[in-house]
Amino acid sequence: MKRRVTELLCNEQGYTLIEALISSMIIVVIIITIFIGIVFAEKQLSRNYHDRVATLHASGELEWQYYYRKTFNRFNIAGEKNVTIDLLPRNKVLPGKMGIVLTAGEENVGVASMTFSTLEVKVSWTEPGDKKLRTVVLKEDFY
């Protein structure tokens, strides 16, 4: 009887199948985790690229307004403009809207006061992956 118990305890035939199942489950979990990480990184990369393009559109518009004001002593505000944020697969375009708001203000500096104009350029678009409205806003003061 003692020998039979020892043989059962030392028998390793069932362990290799269990070890193979556990190892394959661990490998599947690792592959799924890596895949999810890659998909998330691609979405974040695309979102960051769209933010960068929108920032460049807004910055370019502020530079244009600065040049126009220096040349003609006034701003050239034409209302809302359509801009292209990205070219998507299947010849589709990710559109955006760029709006400009001009506000005037006055700042007291000691005994004198200075008038200034503030331009606010806002670029908005809907992100294709999550359907959220994204916005980039840049402001510039002109004295």
Protein backbone atom coordinates (compact mmCIF):
# COMPACT_ATOMS: atom_id res chain seq x y z
CA MET A 1 0.00 0.00 0.00
CA LYS A 2 2.83 2.35 0.85
CA ARG A 3 4.43 1.69 -2.51
CA ARG A 4 1.19 2.47 -4.39
CA VAL A 5 0.86 5.89 -2.68
CA THR A 6 4.47 6.69 -3.55
CA GLU A 7 3.88 5.73 -7.19
CA LEU A 8 0.83 8.00 -7.39
CA LEU A 9 2.71 10.94 -5.89
CA CYS A 10 5.69 10.51 -8.19
CA ASN A 11 3.60 10.00 -11.34
CA GLU A 12 4.00 13.10 -13.58
CA GLN A 13 1.89 12.11 -16.58
CA GLY A 14 -0.92 14.60 -15.86
CA TYR A 15 1.32 17.50 -15.04
CA THR A 16 2.67 17.98 -18.58
CA LEU A 17 -0.81 18.50 -20.00
CA ILE A 18 -1.71 21.01 -17.26
CA GLU A 19 1.61 22.80 -17.71
CA ALA A 20 1.04 23.01 -21.48
CA LEU A 21 -2.46 24.47 -20.97
CA ILE A 22 -1.24 27.04 -18.44
CA SER A 23 1.71 28.02 -20.64
CA SER A 24 -0.51 28.47 -23.68
CA MET A 25 -2.99 30.56 -21.66
CA ILE A 26 -0.15 32.78 -20.44
CA ILE A 27 1.10 33.24 -24.00
CA VAL A 28 -2.41 34.12 -25.25
CA VAL A 29 -2.85 36.70 -22.46
CA ILE A 30 0.53 38.25 -23.30
CA ILE A 31 -0.32 38.46 -27.02
CA ILE A 32 -3.71 40.05 -26.29
CA THR A 33 -2.08 42.57 -23.94
CA ILE A 34 0.51 43.52 -26.55
CA PHE A 35 -2.20 43.88 -29.21
CA ILE A 36 -4.30 46.16 -26.98
CA GLY A 37 -1.21 48.27 -26.24
CA ILE A 38 -0.41 48.64 -29.94
CA VAL A 39 -3.99 49.67 -30.80
CA PHE A 40 -4.02 52.23 -27.97
CA ALA A 41 -0.64 53.63 -29.06
CA GLU A 42 -1.83 54.01 -32.66
CA LYS A 43 -4.96 55.89 -31.56
CA GLN A 44 -2.91 58.17 -29.31
CA LEU A 45 -0.41 58.80 -32.11
CA SER A 46 -3.23 59.75 -34.48
CA ARG A 47 -4.83 62.02 -31.87
CA ASN A 48 -1.51 63.75 -31.17
CA TYR A 49 -0.95 64.27 -34.91
CA HIS A 50 -4.40 65.87 -35.25
CA ASP A 51 -3.67 68.16 -32.28
CA ARG A 52 -0.38 69.19 -33.90
CA VAL A 53 -2.01 69.94 -37.27
CA ALA A 54 -4.76 71.99 -35.61
CA THR A 55 -2.15 73.93 -33.62
CA LEU A 56 -0.21 74.66 -36.82
CA HIS A 57 -3.39 75.91 -38.54
CA ALA A 58 -4.17 78.23 -35.62
CA SER A 59 -0.56 79.44 -35.38
CA GLY A 60 -0.44 80.13 -39.10
CA GLU A 61 -3.63 82.15 -38.87
CA LEU A 62 -2.20 84.23 -36.01
CA GLU A 63 0.96 84.87 -38.06
CA TRP A 64 -1.18 85.93 -41.03
CA GLN A 65 -3.17 88.33 -38.84
CA TYR A 66 0.06 89.79 -37.44
CA TYR A 67 1.43 90.35 -40.95
CA TYR A 68 -1.87 91.83 -42.19
CA ARG A 69 -2.10 94.19 -39.23
CA LYS A 70 1.49 95.39 -39.69
CA THR A 71 0.91 95.93 -43.42
CA PHE A 72 -2.62 97.38 -43.50
CA ASN A 73 -3.06 98.54 -39.87
CA ARG A 74 -6.16 96.37 -39.39
CA PHE A 75 -7.07 92.69 -39.03
CA ASN A 76 -8.38 90.48 -41.83
CA ILE A 77 -11.11 88.46 -40.11
CA ALA A 78 -13.22 86.59 -42.64
CA GLY A 79 -15.30 84.50 -40.26
CA GLU A 80 -15.21 80.72 -39.96
CA LYS A 81 -12.96 78.76 -42.32
CA ASN A 82 -12.86 75.09 -43.24
CA VAL A 83 -9.48 73.40 -42.71
CA THR A 84 -8.19 69.90 -43.40
CA ILE A 85 -6.91 68.11 -40.32
CA ASP A 86 -5.96 64.77 -41.92
CA LEU A 87 -6.35 62.61 -45.01
CA LEU A 88 -8.07 59.39 -44.00
CA PRO A 89 -8.12 56.02 -45.78
CA ARG A 90 -10.41 55.56 -48.81
CA ASN A 91 -9.80 59.17 -49.97
CA LYS A 92 -11.72 60.69 -47.07
CA VAL A 93 -10.82 63.94 -45.35
CA LEU A 94 -11.00 64.80 -41.65
CA PRO A 95 -12.45 68.34 -41.77
CA GLY A 96 -12.14 71.02 -39.14
CA LYS A 97 -13.54 74.48 -38.53
CA MET A 98 -11.38 77.48 -37.67
CA GLY A 99 -12.97 80.54 -36.12
CA ILE A 100 -11.47 83.86 -35.05
CA VAL A 101 -12.74 86.11 -32.28
CA LEU A 102 -11.42 89.65 -31.89
CA THR A 103 -11.86 91.43 -28.55
CA ALA A 104 -10.60 94.84 -27.46
CA GLY A 105 -9.33 95.68 -24.01
CA GLU A 106 -7.56 98.28 -21.97
CA GLU A 107 -4.73 97.81 -19.50
CA ASN A 108 -3.66 100.32 -16.88
CA VAL A 109 0.09 100.70 -16.61
CA GLY A 110 0.90 103.13 -13.82
CA VAL A 111 -0.80 106.41 -14.69
CA ALA A 112 -1.26 105.60 -18.38
CA SER A 113 -3.58 103.13 -20.01
CA MET A 114 -2.90 101.04 -23.10
CA THR A 115 -5.47 99.64 -25.46
CA PHE A 116 -4.92 96.22 -26.97
CA SER A 117 -6.67 93.70 -29.16
CA THR A 118 -6.86 89.99 -28.42
CA LEU A 119 -7.24 87.48 -31.20
CA GLU A 120 -8.48 84.03 -30.28
CA VAL A 121 -8.19 81.36 -32.96
CA LYS A 122 -10.19 78.18 -32.32
CA VAL A 123 -9.84 75.01 -34.43
CA SER A 124 -12.43 72.27 -33.82
CA TRP A 125 -12.90 68.82 -35.33
CA THR A 126 -14.54 65.51 -34.47
CA GLU A 127 -12.05 62.72 -33.82
CA PRO A 128 -12.97 59.74 -36.03
CA GLY A 129 -12.19 56.98 -33.53
CA ASP A 130 -14.14 58.12 -30.50
CA LYS A 131 -16.49 60.74 -32.08
CA LYS A 132 -15.45 63.38 -29.53
CA LEU A 133 -15.25 67.05 -30.42
CA ARG A 134 -11.65 68.19 -30.04
CA THR A 135 -10.61 71.84 -29.89
CA VAL A 136 -7.35 73.77 -29.97
CA VAL A 137 -7.41 77.44 -28.95
CA LEU A 138 -4.55 79.92 -29.37
CA LYS A 139 -4.66 83.53 -28.15
CA GLU A 140 -2.45 86.48 -29.05
CA ASP A 141 -2.46 90.04 -27.71
CA PHE A 142 -1.69 92.97 -30.03
CA TYR A 143 -0.72 96.31 -28.48
